[in-house]
Amino acid sequence: MSKSLIDLLSILDLEQLEVNLFRGNSPKTSWQRVFGGQVIGQAMVAACRTVEGRLPHSIHCYFILPGDPQIPIIYQVERLRDGKSYT
Protein backbone atom coordinates (compact mmCIF):
# COMPACT_ATOMS: atom_id res chain seq x y z
CA MET A 1 0.00 0.00 0.00
CA SER A 2 1.32 3.46 -0.84
CA LYS A 3 2.10 5.98 1.90
CA SER A 4 -0.57 8.40 0.64
CA LEU A 5 -3.24 5.67 0.84
CA ILE A 6 -2.11 4.75 4.35
CA ASP A 7 -2.27 8.44 5.35
CA LEU A 8 -5.79 8.77 3.90
CA LEU A 9 -7.02 5.67 5.73
CA SER A 10 -5.58 6.96 9.01
CA ILE A 11 -7.42 10.28 8.58
CA LEU A 12 -10.68 8.42 7.93
CA ASP A 13 -10.21 6.04 10.88
CA LEU A 14 -12.31 7.82 13.51
CA GLU A 15 -12.14 7.13 17.20
CA GLN A 16 -15.50 6.09 18.64
CA LEU A 17 -16.07 7.93 21.93
CA GLU A 18 -19.62 6.74 22.65
CA VAL A 19 -22.59 5.42 20.70
CA ASN A 20 -23.12 7.88 17.81
CA LEU A 21 -20.13 10.04 18.88
CA PHE A 22 -16.80 10.01 17.03
CA ARG A 23 -13.56 12.02 17.02
CA GLY A 24 -11.58 12.76 13.89
CA ASN A 25 -8.12 14.27 13.62
CA SER A 26 -6.52 16.34 10.89
CA PRO A 27 -3.21 15.44 9.28
CA LYS A 28 -0.14 17.13 10.71
CA THR A 29 0.56 19.70 7.99
CA SER A 30 1.13 23.43 7.76
CA TRP A 31 -2.45 24.05 6.59
CA GLN A 32 -4.25 26.85 8.39
CA ARG A 33 -7.71 25.34 7.92
CA VAL A 34 -9.31 21.93 7.74
CA PHE A 35 -9.93 20.76 4.17
CA GLY A 36 -13.65 20.39 3.42
CA GLY A 37 -13.20 17.01 1.77
CA GLN A 38 -11.71 15.69 5.00
CA VAL A 39 -14.77 16.81 6.97
CA ILE A 40 -17.14 15.26 4.43
CA GLY A 41 -15.19 11.98 4.39
CA GLN A 42 -15.00 11.75 8.17
CA ALA A 43 -18.70 12.61 8.53
CA MET A 44 -19.58 9.86 6.07
CA VAL A 45 -17.45 7.35 8.00
CA ALA A 46 -19.18 8.34 11.26
CA ALA A 47 -22.62 7.93 9.66
CA CYS A 48 -21.71 4.57 8.11
CA ARG A 49 -20.49 3.24 11.45
CA THR A 50 -23.94 3.76 12.97
CA VAL A 51 -25.89 1.78 10.35
CA GLU A 52 -25.47 -1.87 9.36
CA GLY A 53 -26.31 -3.37 5.99
CA ARG A 54 -26.82 -0.09 4.11
CA LEU A 55 -24.56 2.17 2.09
CA PRO A 56 -25.04 5.91 1.57
CA HIS A 57 -26.28 7.19 -1.75
CA SER A 58 -26.41 10.94 -1.16
CA ILE A 59 -24.78 13.63 0.97
CA HIS A 60 -25.30 17.38 1.18
CA CYS A 61 -22.84 19.64 2.99
CA TYR A 62 -22.62 23.29 3.91
CA PHE A 63 -19.57 24.91 5.47
CA ILE A 64 -20.17 27.94 7.67
CA LEU A 65 -16.84 28.45 9.43
CA PRO A 66 -13.29 27.19 8.84
CA GLY A 67 -12.01 24.38 11.02
CA ASP A 68 -8.81 24.51 13.04
CA PRO A 69 -6.56 21.55 12.15
CA GLN A 70 -5.01 21.61 15.64
CA ILE A 71 -8.34 20.74 17.31
CA PRO A 72 -9.99 17.31 16.81
CA ILE A 73 -13.43 17.36 15.16
CA ILE A 74 -16.29 15.74 17.06
CA TYR A 75 -18.98 14.06 14.93
CA GLN A 76 -22.32 13.35 16.58
CA VAL A 77 -24.64 11.20 14.48
CA GLU A 78 -28.32 11.82 15.04
CA ARG A 79 -30.51 8.85 14.12
CA LEU A 80 -33.69 10.27 12.66
CA ARG A 81 -35.29 7.27 10.99
CA ASP A 82 -34.61 3.60 10.39
CA GLY A 83 -37.17 2.26 7.96
CA LYS A 84 -37.44 -0.18 5.08
CA SER A 85 -36.09 2.12 2.38
CA TYR A 86 -34.48 4.96 4.32
CA THR A 87 -32.06 5.04 7.25
PDB file of N, CA and C in Angstrom:
ATOM      1  N   MET A   1       0.841  -1.169   0.000  1.00  0.00           N
ATOM      2  CA  MET A   1       0.000   0.000   0.000  1.00  0.00           C
ATOM      3  C   MET A   1       0.894   1.243   0.000  1.00  0.00           C
ATOM      4  N   SER A   2       0.511   2.249  -0.765  1.00  0.00           N
ATOM      5  CA  SER A   2       1.320   3.464  -0.836  1.00  0.00           C
ATOM      6  C   SER A   2       1.163   4.288   0.443  1.00  0.00           C
ATOM      7  N   LYS A   3       2.131   5.157   0.697  1.00  0.00           N
ATOM      8  CA  LYS A   3       2.099   5.983   1.898  1.00  0.00           C
ATOM      9  C   LYS A   3       0.900   6.922   1.885  1.00  0.00           C
ATOM     10  N   SER A   4       0.562   7.477   0.718  1.00  0.00           N
ATOM     11  CA  SER A   4      -0.575   8.403   0.644  1.00  0.00           C
ATOM     12  C   SER A   4      -1.891   7.686   0.953  1.00  0.00           C
ATOM     13  N   LEU A   5      -2.029   6.439   0.529  1.00  0.00           N
ATOM     14  CA  LEU A   5      -3.236   5.674   0.844  1.00  0.00           C
ATOM     15  C   LEU A   5      -3.297   5.351   2.336  1.00  0.00           C
ATOM     16  N   ILE A   6      -2.170   5.005   2.911  1.00  0.00           N
ATOM     17  CA  ILE A   6      -2.114   4.745   4.354  1.00  0.00           C
ATOM     18  C   ILE A   6      -2.469   6.005   5.133  1.00  0.00           C
ATOM     19  N   ASP A   7      -1.949   7.167   4.691  1.00  0.00           N
ATOM     20  CA  ASP A   7      -2.266   8.439   5.346  1.00  0.00           C
ATOM     21  C   ASP A   7      -3.758   8.750   5.257  1.00  0.00           C
ATOM     22  N   LEU A   8      -4.354   8.521   4.081  1.00  0.00           N
ATOM     23  CA  LEU A   8      -5.787   8.770   3.904  1.00  0.00           C
ATOM     24  C   LEU A   8      -6.609   7.873   4.817  1.00  0.00           C
ATOM     25  N   LEU A   9      -6.275   6.602   4.876  1.00  0.00           N
ATOM     26  CA  LEU A   9      -7.016   5.674   5.730  1.00  0.00           C
ATOM     27  C   LEU A   9      -6.889   6.039   7.203  1.00  0.00           C
ATOM     28  N   SER A  10      -5.738   6.561   7.610  1.00  0.00           N
ATOM     29  CA  SER A  10      -5.581   6.958   9.015  1.00  0.00           C
ATOM     30  C   SER A  10      -6.414   8.194   9.332  1.00  0.00           C
ATOM     31  N   ILE A  11      -6.575   9.095   8.373  1.00  0.00           N
ATOM     32  CA  ILE A  11      -7.422  10.280   8.576  1.00  0.00           C
ATOM     33  C   ILE A  11      -8.888   9.861   8.695  1.00  0.00           C
ATOM     34  N   LEU A  12      -9.287   8.859   7.926  1.00  0.00           N
ATOM     35  CA  LEU A  12     -10.685   8.417   7.934  1.00  0.00           C
ATOM     36  C   LEU A  12     -10.999   7.428   9.055  1.00  0.00           C
ATOM     37  N   ASP A  13      -9.992   6.979   9.783  1.00  0.00           N
ATOM     38  CA  ASP A  13     -10.212   6.040  10.877  1.00  0.00           C
ATOM     39  C   ASP A  13     -10.558   6.820  12.142  1.00  0.00           C
ATOM     40  N   LEU A  14     -11.845   7.015  12.375  1.00  0.00           N
ATOM     41  CA  LEU A  14     -12.315   7.817  13.506  1.00  0.00           C
ATOM     42  C   LEU A  14     -12.273   7.020  14.802  1.00  0.00           C
ATOM     43  N   GLU A  15     -12.099   7.731  15.874  1.00  0.00           N
ATOM     44  CA  GLU A  15     -12.140   7.132  17.205  1.00  0.00           C
ATOM     45  C   GLU A  15     -13.578   7.210  17.718  1.00  0.00           C
ATOM     46  N   GLN A  16     -14.146   6.082  18.098  1.00  0.00           N
ATOM     47  CA  GLN A  16     -15.497   6.093  18.642  1.00  0.00           C
ATOM     48  C   GLN A  16     -15.421   6.403  20.132  1.00  0.00           C
ATOM     49  N   LEU A  17     -16.076   7.494  20.536  1.00  0.00           N
ATOM     50  CA  LEU A  17     -16.067   7.927  21.932  1.00  0.00           C
ATOM     51  C   LEU A  17     -17.225   7.324  22.711  1.00  0.00           C
ATOM     52  N   GLU A  18     -18.394   7.303  22.084  1.00  0.00           N
ATOM     53  CA  GLU A  18     -19.618   6.738  22.648  1.00  0.00           C
ATOM     54  C   GLU A  18     -20.459   6.266  21.477  1.00  0.00           C
ATOM     55  N   VAL A  19     -21.659   5.768  21.771  1.00  0.00           N
ATOM     56  CA  VAL A  19     -22.586   5.419  20.701  1.00  0.00           C
ATOM     57  C   VAL A  19     -22.940   6.716  19.968  1.00  0.00           C
ATOM     58  N   ASN A  20     -22.799   6.735  18.666  1.00  0.00           N
ATOM     59  CA  ASN A  20     -23.125   7.884  17.813  1.00  0.00           C
ATOM     60  C   ASN A  20     -22.186   9.067  17.985  1.00  0.00           C
ATOM     61  N   LEU A  21     -21.060   8.930  18.661  1.00  0.00           N
ATOM     62  CA  LEU A  21     -20.131  10.037  18.885  1.00  0.00           C
ATOM     63  C   LEU A  21     -18.721   9.605  18.498  1.00  0.00           C
ATOM     64  N   PHE A  22     -18.106  10.366  17.581  1.00  0.00           N
ATOM     65  CA  PHE A  22     -16.803  10.013  17.029  1.00  0.00           C
ATOM     66  C   PHE A  22     -15.876  11.224  17.052  1.00  0.00           C
ATOM     67  N   ARG A  23     -14.554  10.952  17.083  1.00  0.00           N
ATOM     68  CA  ARG A  23     -13.565  12.020  17.025  1.00  0.00           C
ATOM     69  C   ARG A  23     -12.651  11.776  15.838  1.00  0.00           C
ATOM     70  N   GLY A  24     -12.477  12.827  15.037  1.00  0.00           N
ATOM     71  CA  GLY A  24     -11.581  12.764  13.891  1.00  0.00           C
ATOM     72  C   GLY A  24     -10.447  13.753  14.050  1.00  0.00           C
ATOM     73  N   ASN A  25      -9.285  13.396  13.562  1.00  0.00           N
ATOM     74  CA  ASN A  25      -8.118  14.271  13.625  1.00  0.00           C
ATOM     75  C   ASN A  25      -7.722  14.712  12.228  1.00  0.00           C
ATOM     76  N   SER A  26      -7.030  15.827  12.160  1.00  0.00           N
ATOM     77  CA  SER A  26      -6.519  16.343  10.894  1.00  0.00           C
ATOM     78  C   SER A  26      -5.070  15.899  10.728  1.00  0.00           C
ATOM     79  N   PRO A  27      -4.606  15.807   9.486  1.00  0.00           N
ATOM     80  CA  PRO A  27      -3.208  15.442   9.275  1.00  0.00           C
ATOM     81  C   PRO A  27      -2.289  16.543   9.801  1.00  0.00           C
ATOM     82  N   LYS A  28      -1.110  16.162  10.202  1.00  0.00           N
ATOM     83  CA  LYS A  28      -0.135  17.131  10.713  1.00  0.00           C
ATOM     84  C   LYS A  28       0.556  17.814   9.537  1.00  0.00           C
ATOM     85  N   THR A  29      -0.011  18.937   9.101  1.00  0.00           N
ATOM     86  CA  THR A  29       0.556  19.702   7.993  1.00  0.00           C
ATOM     87  C   THR A  29       0.624  21.170   8.400  1.00  0.00           C
ATOM     88  N   SER A  30       1.054  21.999   7.486  1.00  0.00           N
ATOM     89  CA  SER A  30       1.134  23.433   7.759  1.00  0.00           C
ATOM     90  C   SER A  30      -0.148  24.163   7.332  1.00  0.00           C
ATOM     91  N   TRP A  31      -1.198  23.413   7.010  1.00  0.00           N
ATOM     92  CA  TRP A  31      -2.447  24.046   6.593  1.00  0.00           C
ATOM     93  C   TRP A  31      -3.016  24.871   7.729  1.00  0.00           C
ATOM     94  N   GLN A  32      -3.653  25.975   7.395  1.00  0.00           N
ATOM     95  CA  GLN A  32      -4.254  26.848   8.393  1.00  0.00           C
ATOM     96  C   GLN A  32      -5.713  26.502   8.662  1.00  0.00           C
ATOM     97  N   ARG A  33      -6.301  25.723   7.772  1.00  0.00           N
ATOM     98  CA  ARG A  33      -7.708  25.340   7.919  1.00  0.00           C
ATOM     99  C   ARG A  33      -7.871  23.863   7.598  1.00  0.00           C
ATOM    100  N   VAL A  34      -8.989  23.320   8.054  1.00  0.00           N
ATOM    101  CA  VAL A  34      -9.313  21.930   7.744  1.00  0.00           C
ATOM    102  C   VAL A  34      -9.897  21.884   6.333  1.00  0.00           C
ATOM    103  N   PHE A  35      -9.444  20.953   5.535  1.00  0.00           N
ATOM    104  CA  PHE A  35      -9.926  20.764   4.173  1.00  0.00           C
ATOM    105  C   PHE A  35     -11.350  20.208   4.206  1.00  0.00           C
ATOM    106  N   GLY A  36     -12.249  20.789   3.425  1.00  0.00           N
ATOM    107  CA  GLY A  36     -13.652  20.388   3.424  1.00  0.00           C
ATOM    108  C   GLY A  36     -13.872  18.929   3.064  1.00  0.00           C
ATOM    109  N   GLY A  37     -13.069  18.411   2.147  1.00  0.00           N
ATOM    110  CA  GLY A  37     -13.198  17.008   1.765  1.00  0.00           C
ATOM    111  C   GLY A  37     -12.908  16.070   2.923  1.00  0.00           C
ATOM    112  N   GLN A  38     -12.003  16.491   3.812  1.00  0.00           N
ATOM    113  CA  GLN A  38     -11.710  15.694   4.998  1.00  0.00           C
ATOM    114  C   GLN A  38     -12.931  15.637   5.907  1.00  0.00           C
ATOM    115  N   VAL A  39     -13.583  16.760   6.111  1.00  0.00           N
ATOM    116  CA  VAL A  39     -14.769  16.807   6.970  1.00  0.00           C
ATOM    117  C   VAL A  39     -15.883  15.944   6.384  1.00  0.00           C
ATOM    118  N   ILE A  40     -16.098  16.056   5.087  1.00  0.00           N
ATOM    119  CA  ILE A  40     -17.138  15.256   4.427  1.00  0.00           C
ATOM    120  C   ILE A  40     -16.828  13.765   4.559  1.00  0.00           C
ATOM    121  N   GLY A  41     -15.584  13.389   4.292  1.00  0.00           N
ATOM    122  CA  GLY A  41     -15.193  11.978   4.389  1.00  0.00           C
ATOM    123  C   GLY A  41     -15.337  11.441   5.797  1.00  0.00           C
ATOM    124  N   GLN A  42     -14.891  12.202   6.793  1.00  0.00           N
ATOM    125  CA  GLN A  42     -15.004  11.751   8.169  1.00  0.00           C
ATOM    126  C   GLN A  42     -16.460  11.689   8.620  1.00  0.00           C
ATOM    127  N   ALA A  43     -17.272  12.641   8.188  1.00  0.00           N
ATOM    128  CA  ALA A  43     -18.699  12.615   8.533  1.00  0.00           C
ATOM    129  C   ALA A  43     -19.383  11.391   7.931  1.00  0.00           C
ATOM    130  N   MET A  44     -19.004  11.039   6.721  1.00  0.00           N
ATOM    131  CA  MET A  44     -19.577   9.861   6.073  1.00  0.00           C
ATOM    132  C   MET A  44     -19.166   8.588   6.802  1.00  0.00           C
ATOM    133  N   VAL A  45     -17.915   8.516   7.235  1.00  0.00           N
ATOM    134  CA  VAL A  45     -17.447   7.349   7.999  1.00  0.00           C
ATOM    135  C   VAL A  45     -18.236   7.237   9.298  1.00  0.00           C
ATOM    136  N   ALA A  46     -18.424   8.360   9.996  1.00  0.00           N
ATOM    137  CA  ALA A  46     -19.185   8.343  11.255  1.00  0.00           C
ATOM    138  C   ALA A  46     -20.606   7.852  11.011  1.00  0.00           C
ATOM    139  N   ALA A  47     -21.245   8.346   9.970  1.00  0.00           N
ATOM    140  CA  ALA A  47     -22.619   7.926   9.664  1.00  0.00           C
ATOM    141  C   ALA A  47     -22.669   6.442   9.318  1.00  0.00           C
ATOM    142  N   CYS A  48     -21.715   5.979   8.520  1.00  0.00           N
ATOM    143  CA  CYS A  48     -21.710   4.570   8.109  1.00  0.00           C
ATOM    144  C   CYS A  48     -21.463   3.625   9.279  1.00  0.00           C
ATOM    145  N   ARG A  49     -20.767   4.091  10.291  1.00  0.00           N
ATOM    146  CA  ARG A  49     -20.491   3.240  11.449  1.00  0.00           C
ATOM    147  C   ARG A  49     -21.682   3.134  12.407  1.00  0.00           C
ATOM    148  N   THR A  50     -22.755   3.850  12.121  1.00  0.00           N
ATOM    149  CA  THR A  50     -23.940   3.763  12.966  1.00  0.00           C
ATOM    150  C   THR A  50     -25.043   2.929  12.330  1.00  0.00           C
ATOM    151  N   VAL A  51     -24.864   2.520  11.083  1.00  0.00           N
ATOM    152  CA  VAL A  51     -25.890   1.779  10.349  1.00  0.00           C
ATOM    153  C   VAL A  51     -25.274   0.506   9.786  1.00  0.00           C
ATOM    154  N   GLU A  52     -25.964  -0.606   9.913  1.00  0.00           N
ATOM    155  CA  GLU A  52     -25.470  -1.869   9.358  1.00  0.00           C
ATOM    156  C   GLU A  52     -26.295  -2.275   8.144  1.00  0.00           C
ATOM    157  N   GLY A  53     -25.628  -2.810   7.137  1.00  0.00           N
ATOM    158  CA  GLY A  53     -26.314  -3.370   5.990  1.00  0.00           C
ATOM    159  C   GLY A  53     -26.798  -2.361   4.961  1.00  0.00           C
ATOM    160  N   ARG A  54     -26.414  -1.107   5.085  1.00  0.00           N
ATOM    161  CA  ARG A  54     -26.822  -0.086   4.113  1.00  0.00           C
ATOM    162  C   ARG A  54     -25.634   0.801   3.776  1.00  0.00           C
ATOM    163  N   LEU A  55     -25.585   1.246   2.534  1.00  0.00           N
ATOM    164  CA  LEU A  55     -24.556   2.175   2.089  1.00  0.00           C
ATOM    165  C   LEU A  55     -25.197   3.506   1.730  1.00  0.00           C
ATOM    166  N   PRO A  56     -24.475   4.596   1.907  1.00  0.00           N
ATOM    167  CA  PRO A  56     -25.038   5.912   1.573  1.00  0.00           C
ATOM    168  C   PRO A  56     -25.169   6.090   0.062  1.00  0.00           C
ATOM    169  N   HIS A  57     -26.122   6.893  -0.332  1.00  0.00           N
ATOM    170  CA  HIS A  57     -26.279   7.187  -1.754  1.00  0.00           C
ATOM    171  C   HIS A  57     -26.332   8.685  -2.017  1.00  0.00           C
ATOM    172  N   SER A  58     -26.336   9.496  -0.965  1.00  0.00           N
ATOM    173  CA  SER A  58     -26.406  10.938  -1.158  1.00  0.00           C
ATOM    174  C   SER A  58     -25.867  11.649   0.075  1.00  0.00           C
ATOM    175  N   ILE A  59     -25.236  12.796  -0.147  1.00  0.00           N
ATOM    176  CA  ILE A  59     -24.782  13.627   0.969  1.00  0.00           C
ATOM    177  C   ILE A  59     -24.853  15.087   0.527  1.00  0.00           C
ATOM    178  N   HIS A  60     -25.237  15.946   1.437  1.00  0.00           N
ATOM    179  CA  HIS A  60     -25.301  17.383   1.183  1.00  0.00           C
ATOM    180  C   HIS A  60     -24.557  18.082   2.316  1.00  0.00           C
ATOM    181  N   CYS A  61     -23.657  18.988   1.971  1.00  0.00           N
ATOM    182  CA  CYS A  61     -22.836  19.636   2.993  1.00  0.00           C
ATOM    183  C   CYS A  61     -22.801  21.143   2.790  1.00  0.00           C
ATOM    184  N   TYR A  62     -22.780  21.845   3.900  1.00  0.00           N
ATOM    185  CA  TYR A  62     -22.618  23.291   3.905  1.00  0.00           C
ATOM    186  C   TYR A  62     -21.543  23.619   4.924  1.00  0.00           C
ATOM    187  N   PHE A  63     -20.635  24.501   4.564  1.00  0.00           N
ATOM    188  CA  PHE A  63     -19.565  24.907   5.472  1.00  0.00           C
ATOM    189  C   PHE A  63     -19.798  26.357   5.872  1.00  0.00           C
ATOM    190  N   ILE A  64     -19.884  26.598   7.174  1.00  0.00           N
ATOM    191  CA  ILE A  64     -20.165  27.938   7.675  1.00  0.00           C
ATOM    192  C   ILE A  64     -18.896  28.625   8.154  1.00  0.00           C
ATOM    193  N   LEU A  65     -18.074  27.895   8.890  1.00  0.00           N
ATOM    194  CA  LEU A  65     -16.838  28.450   9.435  1.00  0.00           C
ATOM    195  C   LEU A  65     -15.667  27.517   9.137  1.00  0.00           C
ATOM    196  N   PRO A  66     -14.447  28.060   9.053  1.00  0.00           N
ATOM    197  CA  PRO A  66     -13.292  27.191   8.835  1.00  0.00           C
ATOM    198  C   PRO A  66     -12.974  26.392  10.085  1.00  0.00           C
ATOM    199  N   GLY A  67     -12.417  25.219   9.899  1.00  0.00           N
ATOM    200  CA  GLY A  67     -12.013  24.381  11.022  1.00  0.00           C
ATOM    201  C   GLY A  67     -10.539  24.564  11.339  1.00  0.00           C
ATOM    202  N   ASP A  68     -10.194  24.405  12.591  1.00  0.00           N
ATOM    203  CA  ASP A  68      -8.812  24.512  13.043  1.00  0.00           C
ATOM    204  C   ASP A  68      -8.188  23.116  13.032  1.00  0.00           C
ATOM    205  N   PRO A  69      -7.147  22.892  12.236  1.00  0.00           N
ATOM    206  CA  PRO A  69      -6.560  21.551  12.148  1.00  0.00           C
ATOM    207  C   PRO A  69      -5.872  21.084  13.430  1.00  0.00           C
ATOM    208  N   GLN A  70      -5.645  21.987  14.377  1.00  0.00           N
ATOM    209  CA  GLN A  70      -5.005  21.612  15.641  1.00  0.00           C
ATOM    210  C   GLN A  70      -5.992  21.017  16.639  1.00  0.00           C
ATOM    211  N   ILE A  71      -7.295  21.196  16.386  1.00  0.00           N
ATOM    212  CA  ILE A  71      -8.337  20.736  17.308  1.00  0.00           C
ATOM    213  C   ILE A  71      -9.081  19.568  16.669  1.00  0.00           C
ATOM    214  N   PRO A  72      -9.232  18.443  17.369  1.00  0.00           N
ATOM    215  CA  PRO A  72      -9.994  17.313  16.809  1.00  0.00           C
ATOM    216  C   PRO A  72     -11.450  17.715  16.530  1.00  0.00           C
ATOM    217  N   ILE A  73     -12.036  17.088  15.531  1.00  0.00           N
ATOM    218  CA  ILE A  73     -13.430  17.356  15.158  1.00  0.00           C
ATOM    219  C   ILE A  73     -14.300  16.268  15.774  1.00  0.00           C
ATOM    220  N   ILE A  74     -15.354  16.679  16.444  1.00  0.00           N
ATOM    221  CA  ILE A  74     -16.290  15.740  17.056  1.00  0.00           C
ATOM    222  C   ILE A  74     -17.495  15.596  16.129  1.00  0.00           C
ATOM    223  N   TYR A  75     -17.832  14.361  15.789  1.00  0.00           N
ATOM    224  CA  TYR A  75     -18.982  14.057  14.931  1.00  0.00           C
ATOM    225  C   TYR A  75     -20.032  13.358  15.775  1.00  0.00           C
ATOM    226  N   GLN A  76     -21.203  13.964  15.858  1.00  0.00           N
ATOM    227  CA  GLN A  76     -22.317  13.354  16.583  1.00  0.00           C
ATOM    228  C   GLN A  76     -23.379  12.984  15.555  1.00  0.00           C
ATOM    229  N   VAL A  77     -23.658  11.705  15.437  1.00  0.00           N
ATOM    230  CA  VAL A  77     -24.636  11.205  14.476  1.00  0.00           C
ATOM    231  C   VAL A  77     -25.998  11.182  15.157  1.00  0.00           C
ATOM    232  N   GLU A  78     -26.959  11.807  14.516  1.00  0.00           N
ATOM    233  CA  GLU A  78     -28.323  11.820  15.043  1.00  0.00           C
ATOM    234  C   GLU A  78     -29.161  10.868  14.204  1.00  0.00           C
ATOM    235  N   ARG A  79     -29.688   9.840  14.833  1.00  0.00           N
ATOM    236  CA  ARG A  79     -30.506   8.850  14.121  1.00  0.00           C
ATOM    237  C   ARG A  79     -31.939   9.368  14.044  1.00  0.00           C
ATOM    238  N   LEU A  80     -32.355   9.710  12.846  1.00  0.00           N
ATOM    239  CA  LEU A  80     -33.687  10.268  12.655  1.00  0.00           C
ATOM    240  C   LEU A  80     -34.718   9.218  12.293  1.00  0.00           C
ATOM    241  N   ARG A  81     -34.324   8.257  11.463  1.00  0.00           N
ATOM    242  CA  ARG A  81     -35.292   7.266  10.989  1.00  0.00           C
ATOM    243  C   ARG A  81     -34.557   6.015  10.553  1.00  0.00           C
ATOM    244  N   ASP A  82     -35.124   4.882  10.850  1.00  0.00           N
ATOM    245  CA  ASP A  82     -34.606   3.601  10.386  1.00  0.00           C
ATOM    246  C   ASP A  82     -35.784   2.801   9.861  1.00  0.00           C
ATOM    247  N   GLY A  83     -36.019   2.907   8.563  1.00  0.00           N
ATOM    248  CA  GLY A  83     -37.172   2.260   7.959  1.00  0.00           C
ATOM    249  C   GLY A  83     -36.757   1.254   6.905  1.00  0.00           C
ATOM    250  N   LYS A  84     -37.709   0.833   6.105  1.00  0.00           N
ATOM    251  CA  LYS A  84     -37.439  -0.179   5.082  1.00  0.00           C
ATOM    252  C   LYS A  84     -36.557   0.369   3.949  1.00  0.00           C
ATOM    253  N   SER A  85     -36.828   1.592   3.504  1.00  0.00           N
ATOM    254  CA  SER A  85     -36.092   2.124   2.378  1.00  0.00           C
ATOM    255  C   SER A  85     -35.199   3.305   2.735  1.00  0.00           C
ATOM    256  N   TYR A  86     -35.236   3.768   3.967  1.00  0.00           N
ATOM    257  CA  TYR A  86     -34.481   4.959   4.325  1.00  0.00           C
ATOM    258  C   TYR A  86     -33.954   4.835   5.748  1.00  0.00           C
ATOM    259  N   THR A  87     -32.670   5.084   5.910  1.00  0.00           N
ATOM    260  CA  THR A  87     -32.064   5.036   7.247  1.00  0.00           C
ATOM    261  C   THR A  87     -31.298   6.319   7.465  1.00  0.00           C
TER     262      THR A  87
END
